[in-house]
PDB file of N, CA and C in Angstrom:
ATOM      1  N   MET A   1       0.875  -1.174   0.000  1.00  0.00           N
ATOM      2  CA  MET A   1       0.000   0.000   0.000  1.00  0.00           C
ATOM      3  C   MET A   1       0.912   1.224   0.000  1.00  0.00           C
ATOM      4  N   ASN A   2       0.456   2.280  -0.630  1.00  0.00           N
ATOM      5  CA  ASN A   2       1.200   3.533  -0.642  1.00  0.00           C
ATOM      6  C   ASN A   2       0.213   4.683  -0.459  1.00  0.00           C
ATOM      7  N   LEU A   3       0.729   5.886  -0.420  1.00  0.00           N
ATOM      8  CA  LEU A   3      -0.111   7.056  -0.173  1.00  0.00           C
ATOM      9  C   LEU A   3      -1.226   7.189  -1.203  1.00  0.00           C
ATOM     10  N   LYS A   4      -0.907   6.978  -2.473  1.00  0.00           N
ATOM     11  CA  LYS A   4      -1.923   7.100  -3.522  1.00  0.00           C
ATOM     12  C   LYS A   4      -3.047   6.079  -3.314  1.00  0.00           C
ATOM     13  N   ASN A   5      -2.694   4.843  -3.008  1.00  0.00           N
ATOM     14  CA  ASN A   5      -3.715   3.809  -2.787  1.00  0.00           C
ATOM     15  C   ASN A   5      -4.543   4.088  -1.536  1.00  0.00           C
ATOM     16  N   ILE A   6      -3.882   4.530  -0.470  1.00  0.00           N
ATOM     17  CA  ILE A   6      -4.601   4.889   0.766  1.00  0.00           C
ATOM     18  C   ILE A   6      -5.585   6.016   0.468  1.00  0.00           C
ATOM     19  N   ARG A   7      -5.123   7.024  -0.239  1.00  0.00           N
ATOM     20  CA  ARG A   7      -5.971   8.172  -0.574  1.00  0.00           C
ATOM     21  C   ARG A   7      -7.191   7.714  -1.370  1.00  0.00           C
ATOM     22  N   ASN A   8      -6.972   6.939  -2.412  1.00  0.00           N
ATOM     23  CA  ASN A   8      -8.089   6.465  -3.237  1.00  0.00           C
ATOM     24  C   ASN A   8      -9.062   5.611  -2.430  1.00  0.00           C
ATOM     25  N   PHE A   9      -8.532   4.762  -1.562  1.00  0.00           N
ATOM     26  CA  PHE A   9      -9.391   3.912  -0.743  1.00  0.00           C
ATOM     27  C   PHE A   9     -10.225   4.752   0.221  1.00  0.00           C
ATOM     28  N   CYS A  10      -9.595   5.686   0.917  1.00  0.00           N
ATOM     29  CA  CYS A  10     -10.326   6.544   1.853  1.00  0.00           C
ATOM     30  C   CYS A  10     -11.426   7.330   1.149  1.00  0.00           C
ATOM     31  N   LEU A  11     -11.123   7.873  -0.026  1.00  0.00           N
ATOM     32  CA  LEU A  11     -12.102   8.690  -0.745  1.00  0.00           C
ATOM     33  C   LEU A  11     -13.222   7.867  -1.360  1.00  0.00           C
ATOM     34  N   SER A  12     -13.114   6.541  -1.334  1.00  0.00           N
ATOM     35  CA  SER A  12     -14.177   5.687  -1.884  1.00  0.00           C
ATOM     36  C   SER A  12     -15.362   5.525  -0.933  1.00  0.00           C
ATOM     37  N   PHE A  13     -15.203   5.922   0.326  1.00  0.00           N
ATOM     38  CA  PHE A  13     -16.291   5.782   1.299  1.00  0.00           C
ATOM     39  C   PHE A  13     -17.266   6.958   1.187  1.00  0.00           C
ATOM     40  N   PRO A  14     -18.534   6.706   1.473  1.00  0.00           N
ATOM     41  CA  PRO A  14     -19.531   7.784   1.407  1.00  0.00           C
ATOM     42  C   PRO A  14     -19.225   8.927   2.372  1.00  0.00           C
ATOM     43  N   GLY A  15     -19.367  10.156   1.886  1.00  0.00           N
ATOM     44  CA  GLY A  15     -19.272  11.342   2.724  1.00  0.00           C
ATOM     45  C   GLY A  15     -17.876  11.730   3.158  1.00  0.00           C
ATOM     46  N   VAL A  16     -16.842  11.181   2.539  1.00  0.00           N
ATOM     47  CA  VAL A  16     -15.473  11.460   2.974  1.00  0.00           C
ATOM     48  C   VAL A  16     -14.941  12.720   2.308  1.00  0.00           C
ATOM     49  N   THR A  17     -14.252  13.521   3.115  1.00  0.00           N
ATOM     50  CA  THR A  17     -13.560  14.697   2.610  1.00  0.00           C
ATOM     51  C   THR A  17     -12.071  14.554   2.921  1.00  0.00           C
ATOM     52  N   GLU A  18     -11.297  15.307   2.182  1.00  0.00           N
ATOM     53  CA  GLU A  18      -9.841  15.297   2.349  1.00  0.00           C
ATOM     54  C   GLU A  18      -9.384  16.725   2.564  1.00  0.00           C
ATOM     55  N   GLU A  19      -8.496  16.903   3.527  1.00  0.00           N
ATOM     56  CA  GLU A  19      -7.996  18.244   3.818  1.00  0.00           C
ATOM     57  C   GLU A  19      -6.555  18.134   4.310  1.00  0.00           C
ATOM     58  N   VAL A  20      -5.708  19.053   3.858  1.00  0.00           N
ATOM     59  CA  VAL A  20      -4.347  19.126   4.353  1.00  0.00           C
ATOM     60  C   VAL A  20      -4.306  20.195   5.439  1.00  0.00           C
ATOM     61  N   LYS A  21      -3.817  19.783   6.623  1.00  0.00           N
ATOM     62  CA  LYS A  21      -3.708  20.705   7.755  1.00  0.00           C
ATOM     63  C   LYS A  21      -2.262  20.799   8.187  1.00  0.00           C
ATOM     64  N   TRP A  22      -1.887  21.929   8.702  1.00  0.00           N
ATOM     65  CA  TRP A  22      -0.534  22.172   9.202  1.00  0.00           C
ATOM     66  C   TRP A  22       0.525  21.863   8.145  1.00  0.00           C
ATOM     67  N   ARG A  23       0.225  22.124   6.894  1.00  0.00           N
ATOM     68  CA  ARG A  23       1.118  22.004   5.745  1.00  0.00           C
ATOM     69  C   ARG A  23       1.529  20.578   5.383  1.00  0.00           C
ATOM     70  N   GLN A  24       1.302  19.619   6.256  1.00  0.00           N
ATOM     71  CA  GLN A  24       1.806  18.293   5.930  1.00  0.00           C
ATOM     72  C   GLN A  24       0.850  17.157   6.254  1.00  0.00           C
ATOM     73  N   ASP A  25      -0.119  17.357   7.111  1.00  0.00           N
ATOM     74  CA  ASP A  25      -1.000  16.265   7.509  1.00  0.00           C
ATOM     75  C   ASP A  25      -2.247  16.219   6.638  1.00  0.00           C
ATOM     76  N   ARG A  26      -2.446  15.075   5.997  1.00  0.00           N
ATOM     77  CA  ARG A  26      -3.604  14.861   5.130  1.00  0.00           C
ATOM     78  C   ARG A  26      -4.670  14.134   5.949  1.00  0.00           C
ATOM     79  N   TYR A  27      -5.795  14.802   6.167  1.00  0.00           N
ATOM     80  CA  TYR A  27      -6.894  14.267   6.966  1.00  0.00           C
ATOM     81  C   TYR A  27      -7.989  13.731   6.049  1.00  0.00           C
ATOM     82  N   PHE A  28      -8.400  12.499   6.307  1.00  0.00           N
ATOM     83  CA  PHE A  28      -9.563  11.920   5.651  1.00  0.00           C
ATOM     84  C   PHE A  28     -10.639  11.831   6.724  1.00  0.00           C
ATOM     85  N   SER A  29     -11.756  12.514   6.460  1.00  0.00           N
ATOM     86  CA  SER A  29     -12.787  12.659   7.483  1.00  0.00           C
ATOM     87  C   SER A  29     -14.152  12.312   6.940  1.00  0.00           C
ATOM     88  N   VAL A  30     -15.023  11.910   7.862  1.00  0.00           N
ATOM     89  CA  VAL A  30     -16.438  11.728   7.554  1.00  0.00           C
ATOM     90  C   VAL A  30     -17.194  12.681   8.471  1.00  0.00           C
ATOM     91  N   ALA A  31     -18.003  13.547   7.885  1.00  0.00           N
ATOM     92  CA  ALA A  31     -18.722  14.588   8.634  1.00  0.00           C
ATOM     93  C   ALA A  31     -17.756  15.357   9.539  1.00  0.00           C
ATOM     94  N   GLU A  32     -16.604  15.712   8.993  1.00  0.00           N
ATOM     95  CA  GLU A  32     -15.571  16.506   9.646  1.00  0.00           C
ATOM     96  C   GLU A  32     -14.882  15.798  10.814  1.00  0.00           C
ATOM     97  N   GLU A  33     -15.105  14.497  10.962  1.00  0.00           N
ATOM     98  CA  GLU A  33     -14.424  13.710  11.994  1.00  0.00           C
ATOM     99  C   GLU A  33     -13.387  12.820  11.308  1.00  0.00           C
ATOM    100  N   PRO A  34     -12.102  12.990  11.634  1.00  0.00           N
ATOM    101  CA  PRO A  34     -11.066  12.210  10.953  1.00  0.00           C
ATOM    102  C   PRO A  34     -11.130  10.722  11.296  1.00  0.00           C
ATOM    103  N   PHE A  35     -10.791   9.901  10.296  1.00  0.00           N
ATOM    104  CA  PHE A  35     -10.674   8.463  10.522  1.00  0.00           C
ATOM    105  C   PHE A  35      -9.332   7.937  10.037  1.00  0.00           C
ATOM    106  N   CYS A  36      -8.591   8.742   9.252  1.00  0.00           N
ATOM    107  CA  CYS A  36      -7.260   8.358   8.789  1.00  0.00           C
ATOM    108  C   CYS A  36      -6.470   9.640   8.541  1.00  0.00           C
ATOM    109  N   ILE A  37      -5.209   9.636   9.000  1.00  0.00           N
ATOM    110  CA  ILE A  37      -4.340  10.794   8.817  1.00  0.00           C
ATOM    111  C   ILE A  37      -3.009  10.292   8.273  1.00  0.00           C
ATOM    112  N   THR A  38      -2.545  10.924   7.198  1.00  0.00           N
ATOM    113  CA  THR A  38      -1.257  10.569   6.610  1.00  0.00           C
ATOM    114  C   THR A  38      -0.422  11.827   6.431  1.00  0.00           C
ATOM    115  N   ASP A  39       0.842  11.635   6.107  1.00  0.00           N
ATOM    116  CA  ASP A  39       1.686  12.737   5.685  1.00  0.00           C
ATOM    117  C   ASP A  39       1.270  13.063   4.259  1.00  0.00           C
ATOM    118  N   SER A  40       1.213  14.308   3.898  1.00  0.00           N
ATOM    119  CA  SER A  40       0.691  14.668   2.578  1.00  0.00           C
ATOM    120  C   SER A  40       1.672  14.444   1.438  1.00  0.00           C
ATOM    121  N   ASP A  41       2.947  14.277   1.731  1.00  0.00           N
ATOM    122  CA  ASP A  41       3.932  14.210   0.659  1.00  0.00           C
ATOM    123  C   ASP A  41       4.718  12.912   0.570  1.00  0.00           C
ATOM    124  N   THR A  42       4.676  12.078   1.578  1.00  0.00           N
ATOM    125  CA  THR A  42       5.537  10.904   1.581  1.00  0.00           C
ATOM    126  C   THR A  42       4.745   9.636   1.880  1.00  0.00           C
ATOM    127  N   ASP A  43       5.394   8.520   1.668  1.00  0.00           N
ATOM    128  CA  ASP A  43       4.819   7.235   2.051  1.00  0.00           C
ATOM    129  C   ASP A  43       5.258   6.886   3.469  1.00  0.00           C
ATOM    130  N   GLY A  44       5.132   7.851   4.344  1.00  0.00           N
ATOM    131  CA  GLY A  44       5.639   7.704   5.698  1.00  0.00           C
ATOM    132  C   GLY A  44       4.755   6.972   6.664  1.00  0.00           C
ATOM    133  N   GLY A  45       3.600   6.513   6.271  1.00  0.00           N
ATOM    134  CA  GLY A  45       2.715   5.818   7.195  1.00  0.00           C
ATOM    135  C   GLY A  45       1.422   6.565   7.417  1.00  0.00           C
ATOM    136  N   ALA A  46       0.651   6.075   8.387  1.00  0.00           N
ATOM    137  CA  ALA A  46      -0.660   6.666   8.630  1.00  0.00           C
ATOM    138  C   ALA A  46      -1.130   6.355  10.042  1.00  0.00           C
ATOM    139  N   SER A  47      -2.058   7.162  10.505  1.00  0.00           N
ATOM    140  CA  SER A  47      -2.725   6.953  11.792  1.00  0.00           C
ATOM    141  C   SER A  47      -4.184   6.646  11.537  1.00  0.00           C
ATOM    142  N   PHE A  48      -4.745   5.783  12.390  1.00  0.00           N
ATOM    143  CA  PHE A  48      -6.162   5.456  12.295  1.00  0.00           C
ATOM    144  C   PHE A  48      -6.642   4.916  13.632  1.00  0.00           C
ATOM    145  N   LYS A  49      -7.946   4.889  13.795  1.00  0.00           N
ATOM    146  CA  LYS A  49      -8.590   4.418  15.017  1.00  0.00           C
ATOM    147  C   LYS A  49      -8.756   2.901  14.936  1.00  0.00           C
ATOM    148  N   VAL A  50      -8.532   2.220  16.071  1.00  0.00           N
ATOM    149  CA  VAL A  50      -8.736   0.775  16.148  1.00  0.00           C
ATOM    150  C   VAL A  50      -9.697   0.479  17.290  1.00  0.00           C
ATOM    151  N   LEU A  51     -10.171  -0.745  17.331  1.00  0.00           N
ATOM    152  CA  LEU A  51     -11.017  -1.179  18.436  1.00  0.00           C
ATOM    153  C   LEU A  51     -10.235  -1.110  19.742  1.00  0.00           C
ATOM    154  N   GLU A  52     -10.917  -0.798  20.817  1.00  0.00           N
ATOM    155  CA  GLU A  52     -10.261  -0.699  22.116  1.00  0.00           C
ATOM    156  C   GLU A  52      -9.470  -1.976  22.429  1.00  0.00           C
ATOM    157  N   GLY A  53     -10.050  -3.134  22.157  1.00  0.00           N
ATOM    158  CA  GLY A  53      -9.401  -4.402  22.427  1.00  0.00           C
ATOM    159  C   GLY A  53      -8.206  -4.700  21.534  1.00  0.00           C
ATOM    160  N   GLU A  54      -8.068  -3.997  20.421  1.00  0.00           N
ATOM    161  CA  GLU A  54      -6.942  -4.192  19.499  1.00  0.00           C
ATOM    162  C   GLU A  54      -5.765  -3.271  19.807  1.00  0.00           C
ATOM    163  N   PHE A  55      -6.037  -2.196  20.495  1.00  0.00           N
ATOM    164  CA  PHE A  55      -5.038  -1.145  20.673  1.00  0.00           C
ATOM    165  C   PHE A  55      -3.748  -1.672  21.304  1.00  0.00           C
ATOM    166  N   ASP A  56      -3.847  -2.335  22.461  1.00  0.00           N
ATOM    167  CA  ASP A  56      -2.653  -2.798  23.164  1.00  0.00           C
ATOM    168  C   ASP A  56      -1.846  -3.782  22.330  1.00  0.00           C
ATOM    169  N   GLU A  57      -2.519  -4.661  21.602  1.00  0.00           N
ATOM    170  CA  GLU A  57      -1.813  -5.626  20.762  1.00  0.00           C
ATOM    171  C   GLU A  57      -1.134  -4.916  19.586  1.00  0.00           C
ATOM    172  N   MET A  58      -1.806  -3.963  18.985  1.00  0.00           N
ATOM    173  CA  MET A  58      -1.253  -3.256  17.827  1.00  0.00           C
ATOM    174  C   MET A  58       0.045  -2.537  18.185  1.00  0.00           C
ATOM    175  N   ILE A  59       0.070  -1.872  19.332  1.00  0.00           N
ATOM    176  CA  ILE A  59       1.257  -1.065  19.673  1.00  0.00           C
ATOM    177  C   ILE A  59       2.429  -1.922  20.133  1.00  0.00           C
ATOM    178  N   THR A  60       2.240  -3.224  20.267  1.00  0.00           N
ATOM    179  CA  THR A  60       3.382  -4.097  20.566  1.00  0.00           C
ATOM    180  C   THR A  60       4.099  -4.529  19.291  1.00  0.00           C
ATOM    181  N   ARG A  61       3.486  -4.302  18.144  1.00  0.00           N
ATOM    182  CA  ARG A  61       4.111  -4.665  16.868  1.00  0.00           C
ATOM    183  C   ARG A  61       5.205  -3.669  16.521  1.00  0.00           C
ATOM    184  N   GLU A  62       6.256  -4.167  15.928  1.00  0.00           N
ATOM    185  CA  GLU A  62       7.345  -3.295  15.507  1.00  0.00           C
ATOM    186  C   GLU A  62       6.840  -2.312  14.450  1.00  0.00           C
ATOM    187  N   GLY A  63       7.166  -1.037  14.635  1.00  0.00           N
ATOM    188  CA  GLY A  63       6.787  -0.015  13.663  1.00  0.00           C
ATOM    189  C   GLY A  63       5.391   0.550  13.850  1.00  0.00           C
ATOM    190  N   ILE A  64       4.721   0.187  14.945  1.00  0.00           N
ATOM    191  CA  ILE A  64       3.395   0.734  15.246  1.00  0.00           C
ATOM    192  C   ILE A  64       3.438   1.282  16.664  1.00  0.00           C
ATOM    193  N   ILE A  65       3.049   2.551  16.804  1.00  0.00           N
ATOM    194  CA  ILE A  65       3.093   3.214  18.108  1.00  0.00           C
ATOM    195  C   ILE A  65       1.737   3.878  18.380  1.00  0.00           C
ATOM    196  N   PRO A  66       1.483   4.250  19.637  1.00  0.00           N
ATOM    197  CA  PRO A  66       0.284   5.044  19.906  1.00  0.00           C
ATOM    198  C   PRO A  66       0.362   6.359  19.125  1.00  0.00           C
ATOM    199  N   ALA A  67      -0.722   6.750  18.513  1.00  0.00           N
ATOM    200  CA  ALA A  67      -0.721   7.997  17.742  1.00  0.00           C
ATOM    201  C   ALA A  67      -0.612   9.183  18.702  1.00  0.00           C
ATOM    202  N   PRO A  68       0.360  10.064  18.469  1.00  0.00           N
ATOM    203  CA  PRO A  68       0.521  11.217  19.351  1.00  0.00           C
ATOM    204  C   PRO A  68      -0.770  12.029  19.473  1.00  0.00           C
ATOM    205  N   TYR A  69      -1.112  12.354  20.702  1.00  0.00           N
ATOM    206  CA  TYR A  69      -2.277  13.175  21.041  1.00  0.00           C
ATOM    207  C   TYR A  69      -3.618  12.481  20.815  1.00  0.00           C
ATOM    208  N   MET A  70      -3.625  11.290  20.209  1.00  0.00           N
ATOM    209  CA  MET A  70      -4.901  10.630  19.905  1.00  0.00           C
ATOM    210  C   MET A  70      -4.959   9.217  20.476  1.00  0.00           C
ATOM    211  N   ASP A  71      -3.925   8.819  21.190  1.00  0.00           N
ATOM    212  CA  ASP A  71      -3.874   7.454  21.708  1.00  0.00           C
ATOM    213  C   ASP A  71      -4.974   7.169  22.723  1.00  0.00           C
ATOM    214  N   ARG A  72      -5.422   8.169  23.448  1.00  0.00           N
ATOM    215  CA  ARG A  72      -6.488   7.940  24.432  1.00  0.00           C
ATOM    216  C   ARG A  72      -7.802   7.525  23.760  1.00  0.00           C
ATOM    217  N   ASP A  73      -7.922   7.820  22.473  1.00  0.00           N
ATOM    218  CA  ASP A  73      -9.099   7.419  21.700  1.00  0.00           C
ATOM    219  C   ASP A  73      -8.814   6.181  20.845  1.00  0.00           C
ATOM    220  N   HIS A  74      -7.745   5.466  21.195  1.00  0.00           N
ATOM    221  CA  HIS A  74      -7.369   4.211  20.540  1.00  0.00           C
ATOM    222  C   HIS A  74      -6.959   4.396  19.079  1.00  0.00           C
ATOM    223  N   TRP A  75      -6.136   5.388  18.844  1.00  0.00           N
ATOM    224  CA  TRP A  75      -5.544   5.614  17.534  1.00  0.00           C
ATOM    225  C   TRP A  75      -4.112   5.095  17.565  1.00  0.00           C
ATOM    226  N   VAL A  76      -3.703   4.469  16.479  1.00  0.00           N
ATOM    227  CA  VAL A  76      -2.327   4.003  16.329  1.00  0.00           C
ATOM    228  C   VAL A  76      -1.689   4.724  15.161  1.00  0.00           C
ATOM    229  N   TYR A  77      -0.361   4.764  15.196  1.00  0.00           N
ATOM    230  CA  TYR A  77       0.401   5.340  14.093  1.00  0.00           C
ATOM    231  C   TYR A  77       1.319   4.255  13.549  1.00  0.00           C
ATOM    232  N   VAL A  78       1.091   3.885  12.294  1.00  0.00           N
ATOM    233  CA  VAL A  78       1.932   2.916  11.599  1.00  0.00           C
ATOM    234  C   VAL A  78       3.024   3.728  10.909  1.00  0.00           C
ATOM    235  N   LEU A  79       4.265   3.503  11.314  1.00  0.00           N
ATOM    236  CA  LEU A  79       5.367   4.374  10.913  1.00  0.00           C
ATOM    237  C   LEU A  79       5.672   4.374   9.421  1.00  0.00           C
ATOM    238  N   ASP A  80       5.459   3.255   8.748  1.00  0.00           N
ATOM    239  CA  ASP A  80       5.591   3.248   7.299  1.00  0.00           C
ATOM    240  C   ASP A  80       4.667   2.188   6.715  1.00  0.00           C
ATOM    241  N   PHE A  81       4.326   2.369   5.458  1.00  0.00           N
ATOM    242  CA  PHE A  81       3.307   1.536   4.834  1.00  0.00           C
ATOM    243  C   PHE A  81       3.695   0.067   4.733  1.00  0.00           C
ATOM    244  N   SER A  82       4.979  -0.239   4.812  1.00  0.00           N
ATOM    245  CA  SER A  82       5.422  -1.630   4.694  1.00  0.00           C
ATOM    246  C   SER A  82       5.117  -2.455   5.943  1.00  0.00           C
ATOM    247  N   ARG A  83       4.711  -1.827   7.022  1.00  0.00           N
ATOM    248  CA  ARG A  83       4.445  -2.535   8.281  1.00  0.00           C
ATOM    249  C   ARG A  83       3.182  -3.383   8.245  1.00  0.00           C
ATOM    250  N   LEU A  84       2.262  -3.079   7.321  1.00  0.00           N
ATOM    251  CA  LEU A  84       1.030  -3.854   7.166  1.00  0.00           C
ATOM    252  C   LEU A  84       0.899  -4.245   5.703  1.00  0.00           C
ATOM    253  N   ASP A  85       0.304  -5.408   5.453  1.00  0.00           N
ATOM    254  CA  ASP A  85       0.056  -5.763   4.050  1.00  0.00           C
ATOM    255  C   ASP A  85      -1.219  -5.076   3.578  1.00  0.00           C
ATOM    256  N   ASP A  86      -1.466  -5.126   2.285  1.00  0.00           N
ATOM    257  CA  ASP A  86      -2.593  -4.394   1.698  1.00  0.00           C
ATOM    258  C   ASP A  86      -3.933  -4.779   2.326  1.00  0.00           C
ATOM    259  N   SER A  87      -4.140  -6.059   2.587  1.00  0.00           N
ATOM    260  CA  SER A  87      -5.423  -6.482   3.163  1.00  0.00           C
ATOM    261  C   SER A  87      -5.596  -5.942   4.576  1.00  0.00           C
ATOM    262  N   MET A  88      -4.507  -5.844   5.326  1.00  0.00           N
ATOM    263  CA  MET A  88      -4.592  -5.270   6.674  1.00  0.00           C
ATOM    264  C   MET A  88      -4.887  -3.777   6.607  1.00  0.00           C
ATOM    265  N   TRP A  89      -4.218  -3.086   5.669  1.00  0.00           N
ATOM    266  CA  TRP A  89      -4.494  -1.654   5.509  1.00  0.00           C
ATOM    267  C   TRP A  89      -5.971  -1.421   5.201  1.00  0.00           C
ATOM    268  N   THR A  90      -6.505  -2.169   4.250  1.00  0.00           N
ATOM    269  CA  THR A  90      -7.911  -1.951   3.889  1.00  0.00           C
ATOM    270  C   THR A  90      -8.824  -2.308   5.057  1.00  0.00           C
ATOM    271  N   HIS A  91      -8.500  -3.373   5.779  1.00  0.00           N
ATOM    272  CA  HIS A  91      -9.314  -3.748   6.949  1.00  0.00           C
ATOM    273  C   HIS A  91      -9.320  -2.632   7.991  1.00  0.00           C
ATOM    274  N   TYR A  92      -8.132  -2.189   8.401  1.00  0.00           N
ATOM    275  CA  TYR A  92      -8.059  -1.209   9.483  1.00  0.00           C
ATOM    276  C   TYR A  92      -8.599   0.162   9.086  1.00  0.00           C
ATOM    277  N   ILE A  93      -8.369   0.581   7.860  1.00  0.00           N
ATOM    278  CA  ILE A  93      -8.921   1.882   7.448  1.00  0.00           C
ATOM    279  C   ILE A  93     -10.434   1.816   7.350  1.00  0.00           C
ATOM    280  N   HIS A  94     -10.962   0.748   6.790  1.00  0.00           N
ATOM    281  CA  HIS A  94     -12.417   0.603   6.718  1.00  0.00           C
ATOM    282  C   HIS A  94     -13.007   0.533   8.129  1.00  0.00           C
ATOM    283  N   GLN A  95     -12.375  -0.225   9.005  1.00  0.00           N
ATOM    284  CA  GLN A  95     -12.847  -0.319  10.388  1.00  0.00           C
ATOM    285  C   GLN A  95     -12.827   1.049  11.067  1.00  0.00           C
ATOM    286  N   SER A  96     -11.765   1.823  10.858  1.00  0.00           N
ATOM    287  CA  SER A  96     -11.665   3.151  11.442  1.00  0.00           C
ATOM    288  C   SER A  96     -12.798   4.046  10.948  1.00  0.00           C
ATOM    289  N   TYR A  97     -13.049   4.006   9.644  1.00  0.00           N
ATOM    290  CA  TYR A  97     -14.166   4.764   9.069  1.00  0.00           C
ATOM    291  C   TYR A  97     -15.469   4.388   9.769  1.00  0.00           C
ATOM    292  N   GLU A  98     -15.719   3.091   9.915  1.00  0.00           N
ATOM    293  CA  GLU A  98     -16.966   2.624  10.540  1.00  0.00           C
ATOM    294  C   GLU A  98     -17.043   3.014  12.014  1.00  0.00           C
ATOM    295  N   LEU A  99     -15.927   2.962  12.735  1.00  0.00           N
ATOM    296  CA  LEU A  99     -15.917   3.350  14.146  1.00  0.00           C
ATOM    297  C   LEU A  99     -16.244   4.836  14.312  1.00  0.00           C
ATOM    298  N   VAL A 100     -15.656   5.654  13.469  1.00  0.00           N
ATOM    299  CA  VAL A 100     -15.911   7.096  13.538  1.00  0.00           C
ATOM    300  C   VAL A 100     -17.338   7.397  13.099  1.00  0.00           C
ATOM    301  N   LYS A 101     -17.780   6.780  12.018  1.00  0.00           N
ATOM    302  CA  LYS A 101     -19.139   7.003  11.517  1.00  0.00           C
ATOM    303  C   LYS A 101     -20.183   6.604  12.558  1.00  0.00           C
ATOM    304  N   ALA A 102     -19.936   5.526  13.285  1.00  0.00           N
ATOM    305  CA  ALA A 102     -20.889   5.043  14.285  1.00  0.00           C
ATOM    306  C   ALA A 102     -21.111   6.052  15.415  1.00  0.00           C
ATOM    307  N   LYS A 103     -20.154   6.933  15.646  1.00  0.00           N
ATOM    308  CA  LYS A 103     -20.272   7.943  16.712  1.00  0.00           C
ATOM    309  C   LYS A 103     -20.986   9.218  16.246  1.00  0.00           C
ATOM    310  N   LEU A 104     -21.253   9.318  14.958  1.00  0.00           N
ATOM    311  CA  LEU A 104     -21.934  10.501  14.434  1.00  0.00           C
ATOM    312  C   LEU A 104     -23.410  10.472  14.812  1.00  0.00           C
ATOM    313  N   PRO A 105     -24.039  11.635  14.892  1.00  0.00           N
ATOM    314  CA  PRO A 105     -25.489  11.655  15.145  1.00  0.00           C
ATOM    315  C   PRO A 105     -26.243  10.866  14.061  1.00  0.00           C
ATOM    316  N   LYS A 106     -27.317  10.251  14.471  1.00  0.00           N
ATOM    317  CA  LYS A 106     -28.094   9.382  13.568  1.00  0.00           C
ATOM    318  C   LYS A 106     -28.492  10.094  12.284  1.00  0.00           C
ATOM    319  N   LYS A 107     -28.922  11.320  12.380  1.00  0.00           N
ATOM    320  CA  LYS A 107     -29.365  12.066  11.195  1.00  0.00           C
ATOM    321  C   LYS A 107     -28.218  12.229  10.185  1.00  0.00           C
ATOM    322  N   ILE A 108     -27.030  12.501  10.671  1.00  0.00           N
ATOM    323  CA  ILE A 108     -25.887  12.635   9.770  1.00  0.00           C
ATOM    324  C   ILE A 108     -25.544  11.298   9.134  1.00  0.00           C
ATOM    325  N   ARG A 109     -25.541  10.225   9.935  1.00  0.00           N
ATOM    326  CA  ARG A 109     -25.269   8.883   9.394  1.00  0.00           C
ATOM    327  C   ARG A 109     -26.255   8.517   8.311  1.00  0.00           C
ATOM    328  N   GLU A 110     -27.519   8.833   8.509  1.00  0.00           N
ATOM    329  CA  GLU A 110     -28.543   8.497   7.519  1.00  0.00           C
ATOM    330  C   GLU A 110     -28.355   9.265   6.220  1.00  0.00           C
ATOM    331  N   ASN A 111     -27.793  10.455   6.283  1.00  0.00           N
ATOM    332  CA  ASN A 111     -27.585  11.269   5.081  1.00  0.00           C
ATOM    333  C   ASN A 111     -26.340  10.875   4.296  1.00  0.00           C
ATOM    334  N   LEU A 112     -25.524   9.992   4.863  1.00  0.00           N
ATOM    335  CA  LEU A 112     -24.341   9.549   4.145  1.00  0.00           C
ATOM    336  C   LEU A 112     -24.781   8.567   3.090  1.00  0.00           C
TER     337      LEU A 112
END
């Protein structure tokens, strides 16, 4: 997986927007709530939300750390794209999208 593939996959979900913040962070959001964050220029990895029960196991893997400032919400940061295979990337990004979407108000979810 690389930045281009991650970007295309994230933008394939209903209601997703993309925004670059702080000159380098590319945010993929649903109803303005981020579910995946990457560096905007490199294949340096990505952050996403995981299930509470997955968080501790994920951060024990080499190259995966708690996402700075977002770890309390069970976000991990995968340091580079080679740390997960393509099927894992698609699983975790889709799961993150669904976790974030599930927290949105019902009316917003229905409009997606």
